[in-house]
Amino acid sequence: MTLLAFPLIFCCYSTLESPTATDVRSPCPGLNTLANHGYLPRSGKNLSIPMMLQAALDGFNVGSDSIIQAAKFGLLSGDAPTTLDLDALRLHNLIEHDASISRQDFALGDNLHFNETIFSTLANANPGVDYYNATSAAQVQHDRLAISLATNPNITNTPKEFLLRTRESALYLSIMGNPVTGGGAEGVRHYLASISMLTGDFNNRFVQIFFREERMPIEEGWRRSNITITAETMNDMEGIIIDNSDWTPTQLCEDLVLGPTLTI
């Protein structure tokens, strides 16, 4: 890479800024990263659905069909009719869920901020290689759920939570790895073909930076995919995760969260 090409890469991405004391963030590293880079308002406040969908497309090349349902449900986290604040998304059992791969269960403590102990299950996954893939993501989901089942007598573990966890896994693999394969040696080859430049390590390091630092690992070589990430591109990946998670529900249904003070 030439010295002239290097700054051209960075001009394609919004500048990273750490949140201030008055900014708010969510339990979701993706939304937090978009706010930290300015694709969403850096305050994390008064976000509309169109703003979130456009930010996901501009920042990660994530299409609206893969996240619009979560965005719509997110509006129920507050009282405003058309906007939300990121920190309100901690509302338990709306979109936030138990057995997270980076946050504590609601009944056990802080379900808003990153937790290194919780994240260690993912960080140490797929030992011996430098990537994560759909199979390792399934094992992480299985192991995190097993820990929550053993430590949280109030765990909520219905089909809704399982599908949320699976979509989240497919998203981090697609955004930080490859939207077709999610990782592995073949995924690396597809990834190299789908981005404009690559200068650093493969996707396990990218994923770790994404979760721990809530930023785009541009300096380390990550590039936004040229392939738009959609529900269709994640379909096969999610199938692998589902098939290898060995999941069984704890409950078949749960209380319906309709607002910050309304559950039926």
Protein backbone atom coordinates (compact mmCIF):
# COMPACT_ATOMS: atom_id res chain seq x y z
CA MET A 1 0.00 0.00 0.00
CA THR A 2 1.31 3.45 -0.85
CA LEU A 3 1.41 6.33 1.59
CA LEU A 4 -1.09 8.12 -0.63
CA ALA A 5 -3.56 5.23 -0.48
CA PHE A 6 -3.50 4.95 3.31
CA PRO A 7 -5.31 8.24 4.11
CA LEU A 8 -7.81 7.54 1.34
CA ILE A 9 -9.04 4.53 3.31
CA PHE A 10 -9.73 6.59 6.41
CA CYS A 11 -11.61 9.30 4.54
CA CYS A 12 -14.26 6.68 3.71
CA TYR A 13 -15.16 6.24 7.39
CA SER A 14 -16.49 8.68 9.97
CA THR A 15 -14.10 9.80 12.70
CA LEU A 16 -14.01 7.90 15.98
CA GLU A 17 -14.74 9.91 19.13
CA SER A 18 -15.18 8.53 22.63
CA PRO A 19 -18.56 9.27 24.22
CA THR A 20 -18.71 12.18 26.64
CA ALA A 21 -20.17 12.06 30.14
CA THR A 22 -23.56 13.19 28.81
CA ASP A 23 -23.70 10.78 25.87
CA VAL A 24 -25.58 7.51 26.28
CA ARG A 25 -24.90 4.06 24.89
CA SER A 26 -26.78 0.76 24.63
CA PRO A 27 -26.19 -2.94 25.35
CA CYS A 28 -25.51 -3.34 21.60
CA PRO A 29 -21.89 -2.90 20.45
CA GLY A 30 -23.03 -2.29 16.88
CA LEU A 31 -25.23 0.69 17.74
CA ASN A 32 -22.57 2.01 20.09
CA THR A 33 -19.92 1.76 17.38
CA LEU A 34 -22.13 3.64 14.94
CA ALA A 35 -22.60 6.41 17.52
CA ASN A 36 -18.90 6.50 18.41
CA HIS A 37 -18.07 6.99 14.72
CA GLY A 38 -20.79 9.58 14.14
CA TYR A 39 -23.05 7.56 11.85
CA LEU A 40 -25.63 8.00 14.60
CA PRO A 41 -25.78 11.19 16.67
CA ARG A 42 -22.90 10.93 19.11
CA SER A 43 -25.22 11.81 21.99
CA GLY A 44 -27.06 8.52 21.47
CA LYS A 45 -30.34 10.36 22.01
CA ASN A 46 -33.52 10.96 20.01
CA LEU A 47 -32.81 8.34 17.37
CA SER A 48 -35.48 7.55 14.80
CA ILE A 49 -35.88 4.31 12.88
CA PRO A 50 -34.81 5.89 9.55
CA MET A 51 -31.70 7.28 11.25
CA MET A 52 -30.74 3.86 12.62
CA LEU A 53 -31.36 2.07 9.33
CA GLN A 54 -29.32 4.60 7.37
CA ALA A 55 -26.49 4.49 9.91
CA ALA A 56 -26.30 0.69 9.70
CA LEU A 57 -26.16 0.86 5.92
CA ASP A 58 -23.57 3.64 5.80
CA GLY A 59 -21.38 2.29 8.57
CA PHE A 60 -21.57 -1.48 8.11
CA ASN A 61 -23.42 -2.01 4.81
CA VAL A 62 -26.18 -3.76 6.77
CA GLY A 63 -29.49 -3.72 4.92
CA SER A 64 -32.68 -2.64 6.64
CA ASP A 65 -34.44 -6.00 6.32
CA SER A 66 -32.02 -7.62 8.77
CA ILE A 67 -32.58 -5.14 11.61
CA ILE A 68 -35.85 -3.28 11.05
CA GLN A 69 -37.89 -5.50 13.37
CA ALA A 70 -35.48 -4.86 16.24
CA ALA A 71 -35.50 -1.13 15.46
CA LYS A 72 -39.29 -1.01 15.59
CA PHE A 73 -39.42 -2.91 18.88
CA GLY A 74 -36.78 -0.53 20.21
CA LEU A 75 -39.25 2.35 20.11
CA LEU A 76 -41.12 0.64 22.96
CA SER A 77 -38.13 1.21 25.24
CA GLY A 78 -39.21 4.79 25.92
CA ASP A 79 -42.25 7.04 25.93
CA ALA A 80 -41.43 9.12 22.84
CA PRO A 81 -43.61 8.05 19.89
CA THR A 82 -40.99 8.05 17.13
CA THR A 83 -37.53 8.15 18.73
CA LEU A 84 -35.45 6.35 21.34
CA ASP A 85 -32.32 6.86 23.45
CA LEU A 86 -29.67 4.17 23.28
CA ASP A 87 -29.48 3.54 27.02
CA ALA A 88 -33.22 2.81 27.13
CA LEU A 89 -32.53 -0.36 25.15
CA ARG A 90 -31.40 -1.98 28.38
CA LEU A 91 -35.12 -2.57 29.11
CA HIS A 92 -35.17 -6.24 30.00
CA ASN A 93 -36.80 -8.73 27.62
CA LEU A 94 -37.71 -6.15 24.99
CA ILE A 95 -34.65 -6.60 22.73
CA GLU A 96 -32.10 -6.99 25.53
CA HIS A 97 -31.93 -10.59 26.67
CA ASP A 98 -30.26 -13.02 29.04
CA ALA A 99 -27.25 -15.15 28.03
CA SER A 100 -25.67 -12.23 26.19
CA ILE A 101 -22.14 -12.71 24.87
CA SER A 102 -20.96 -9.38 26.29
CA ARG A 103 -23.36 -8.21 29.04
CA GLN A 104 -24.52 -9.58 32.37
CA ASP A 105 -28.00 -11.01 32.78
CA PHE A 106 -30.46 -8.44 34.06
CA ALA A 107 -31.11 -10.35 37.30
CA LEU A 108 -27.38 -10.65 38.03
CA GLY A 109 -26.18 -7.07 37.58
CA ASP A 110 -25.26 -4.58 34.86
CA ASN A 111 -26.97 -5.48 31.59
CA LEU A 112 -25.90 -2.23 29.90
CA HIS A 113 -22.10 -2.11 29.89
CA PHE A 114 -19.50 -4.43 28.39
CA ASN A 115 -18.31 -7.18 30.74
CA GLU A 116 -14.93 -8.78 30.02
CA THR A 117 -15.67 -11.90 32.07
CA ILE A 118 -18.83 -12.54 30.07
CA PHE A 119 -17.05 -11.80 26.80
CA SER A 120 -14.22 -14.24 27.54
CA THR A 121 -16.39 -17.11 26.26
CA LEU A 122 -16.38 -15.56 22.79
CA ALA A 123 -12.87 -14.16 23.03
CA ASN A 124 -11.43 -17.63 23.67
CA ALA A 125 -13.60 -19.44 21.12
CA ASN A 126 -12.22 -21.44 18.19
CA PRO A 127 -8.77 -21.98 19.74
CA GLY A 128 -5.81 -22.63 17.48
CA VAL A 129 -7.02 -20.51 14.56
CA ASP A 130 -7.33 -16.77 13.97
CA TYR A 131 -10.99 -16.58 13.01
CA TYR A 132 -14.48 -17.17 14.31
CA ASN A 133 -17.17 -18.84 12.23
CA ALA A 134 -20.78 -19.97 12.49
CA THR A 135 -19.84 -23.21 14.23
CA SER A 136 -17.79 -21.43 16.88
CA ALA A 137 -20.57 -18.86 17.29
CA ALA A 138 -23.01 -21.69 17.97
CA GLN A 139 -20.70 -23.10 20.64
CA VAL A 140 -20.40 -19.68 22.25
CA GLN A 141 -24.18 -19.35 22.38
CA HIS A 142 -24.44 -22.82 23.90
CA ASP A 143 -21.78 -22.13 26.52
CA ARG A 144 -23.09 -18.71 27.49
CA LEU A 145 -26.59 -20.10 27.91
CA ALA A 146 -25.26 -22.95 30.05
CA ILE A 147 -23.56 -20.43 32.34
CA SER A 148 -26.71 -18.34 32.63
CA LEU A 149 -28.84 -21.40 33.33
CA ALA A 150 -26.46 -22.37 36.12
CA THR A 151 -26.23 -18.93 37.71
CA ASN A 152 -29.50 -17.12 37.00
CA PRO A 153 -32.64 -18.71 38.46
CA ASN A 154 -34.71 -15.98 36.78
CA ILE A 155 -33.39 -16.53 33.27
CA THR A 156 -35.68 -15.93 30.31
CA ASN A 157 -34.91 -18.40 27.52
CA THR A 158 -37.72 -18.63 24.99
CA PRO A 159 -37.61 -19.00 21.20
CA LYS A 160 -37.56 -15.19 20.96
CA GLU A 161 -34.30 -14.94 22.88
CA PHE A 162 -32.75 -17.76 20.89
CA LEU A 163 -33.59 -16.09 17.58
CA LEU A 164 -32.28 -12.74 18.83
CA ARG A 165 -29.00 -14.32 19.93
CA THR A 166 -28.68 -16.11 16.61
CA ARG A 167 -29.28 -12.97 14.55
CA GLU A 168 -26.77 -11.07 16.68
CA SER A 169 -24.15 -13.77 16.12
CA ALA A 170 -24.74 -13.74 12.38
CA LEU A 171 -24.43 -9.97 12.36
CA TYR A 172 -21.08 -9.78 14.16
CA LEU A 173 -19.70 -12.54 11.92
CA SER A 174 -20.97 -10.78 8.80
CA ILE A 175 -19.91 -7.26 9.77
CA MET A 176 -16.48 -8.13 11.13
CA GLY A 177 -15.86 -11.24 9.04
CA ASN A 178 -17.64 -12.18 5.84
CA PRO A 179 -21.34 -11.79 5.01
CA VAL A 180 -21.45 -15.04 3.03
CA THR A 181 -19.51 -17.50 5.17
CA GLY A 182 -18.92 -15.74 8.47
CA GLY A 183 -15.31 -16.84 8.77
CA GLY A 184 -13.01 -19.79 8.33
CA ALA A 185 -10.34 -20.21 5.68
CA GLU A 186 -12.86 -20.00 2.85
CA GLY A 187 -14.46 -17.02 4.56
CA VAL A 188 -11.13 -15.25 4.63
CA ARG A 189 -10.76 -15.79 0.87
CA HIS A 190 -14.27 -14.45 0.24
CA TYR A 191 -13.58 -11.56 2.59
CA LEU A 192 -10.40 -10.62 0.77
CA ALA A 193 -12.37 -10.56 -2.46
CA SER A 194 -15.23 -8.49 -1.04
CA ILE A 195 -13.29 -5.54 0.39
CA SER A 196 -11.22 -2.85 -1.21
CA MET A 197 -8.06 -3.29 0.90
CA LEU A 198 -6.87 -5.44 3.78
CA THR A 199 -3.79 -4.66 5.82
CA GLY A 200 -4.15 -6.48 9.12
CA ASP A 201 -5.25 -9.58 10.97
CA PHE A 202 -8.32 -11.67 10.29
CA ASN A 203 -11.70 -11.43 11.88
CA ASN A 204 -11.21 -12.75 15.42
CA ARG A 205 -9.19 -9.67 16.28
CA PHE A 206 -11.71 -7.47 14.50
CA VAL A 207 -14.56 -8.99 16.54
CA GLN A 208 -12.67 -8.51 19.79
CA ILE A 209 -12.01 -4.82 19.06
CA PHE A 210 -15.62 -4.35 17.98
CA PHE A 211 -16.96 -5.65 21.29
CA ARG A 212 -14.29 -4.38 23.69
CA GLU A 213 -13.68 -0.93 22.22
CA GLU A 214 -16.89 -0.37 20.27
CA ARG A 215 -15.11 0.96 17.23
CA MET A 216 -14.41 -0.04 13.66
CA PRO A 217 -10.97 -1.69 13.57
CA ILE A 218 -9.92 0.28 10.52
CA GLU A 219 -6.30 0.71 11.57
CA GLU A 220 -6.03 -3.05 12.03
CA GLY A 221 -7.22 -3.70 8.48
CA TRP A 222 -10.98 -4.11 8.68
CA ARG A 223 -13.00 -2.76 5.78
CA ARG A 224 -16.74 -2.44 5.35
CA SER A 225 -18.01 -5.23 3.12
CA ASN A 226 -18.91 -4.44 -0.47
CA ILE A 227 -21.70 -7.01 -0.14
CA THR A 228 -24.82 -5.65 1.55
CA ILE A 229 -25.61 -7.77 4.61
CA THR A 230 -29.24 -8.88 4.53
CA ALA A 231 -31.48 -11.50 6.08
CA GLU A 232 -30.89 -13.57 2.95
CA THR A 233 -27.09 -13.41 3.13
CA MET A 234 -27.24 -14.51 6.77
CA ASN A 235 -29.75 -17.31 6.23
CA ASP A 236 -27.28 -20.18 5.76
CA MET A 237 -25.05 -18.88 8.54
CA GLU A 238 -27.98 -18.71 10.95
CA GLY A 239 -28.95 -22.24 9.96
CA ILE A 240 -25.51 -23.50 10.96
CA ILE A 241 -25.72 -21.66 14.27
CA ILE A 242 -29.17 -23.06 14.99
CA ASP A 243 -28.14 -26.60 14.07
CA ASN A 244 -25.04 -26.52 16.28
CA SER A 245 -26.31 -24.64 19.35
CA ASP A 246 -28.01 -27.67 20.94
CA TRP A 247 -30.66 -25.30 22.25
CA THR A 248 -33.76 -26.15 24.24
CA PRO A 249 -36.17 -23.59 25.70
CA THR A 250 -36.60 -22.96 29.39
CA GLN A 251 -40.00 -21.38 28.74
CA LEU A 252 -42.15 -21.43 25.63
CA CYS A 253 -43.37 -17.87 26.13
CA GLU A 254 -42.78 -14.86 28.34
CA ASP A 255 -44.42 -11.67 29.52
CA LEU A 256 -44.88 -9.15 26.72
CA VAL A 257 -42.91 -5.92 27.22
CA LEU A 258 -44.83 -3.01 25.69
CA GLY A 259 -43.04 -0.08 27.31
CA PRO A 260 -40.75 1.01 30.13
CA THR A 261 -43.57 0.61 32.66
CA LEU A 262 -45.95 -1.70 30.79
CA THR A 263 -45.61 -5.48 30.75
CA ILE A 264 -48.54 -7.85 30.25
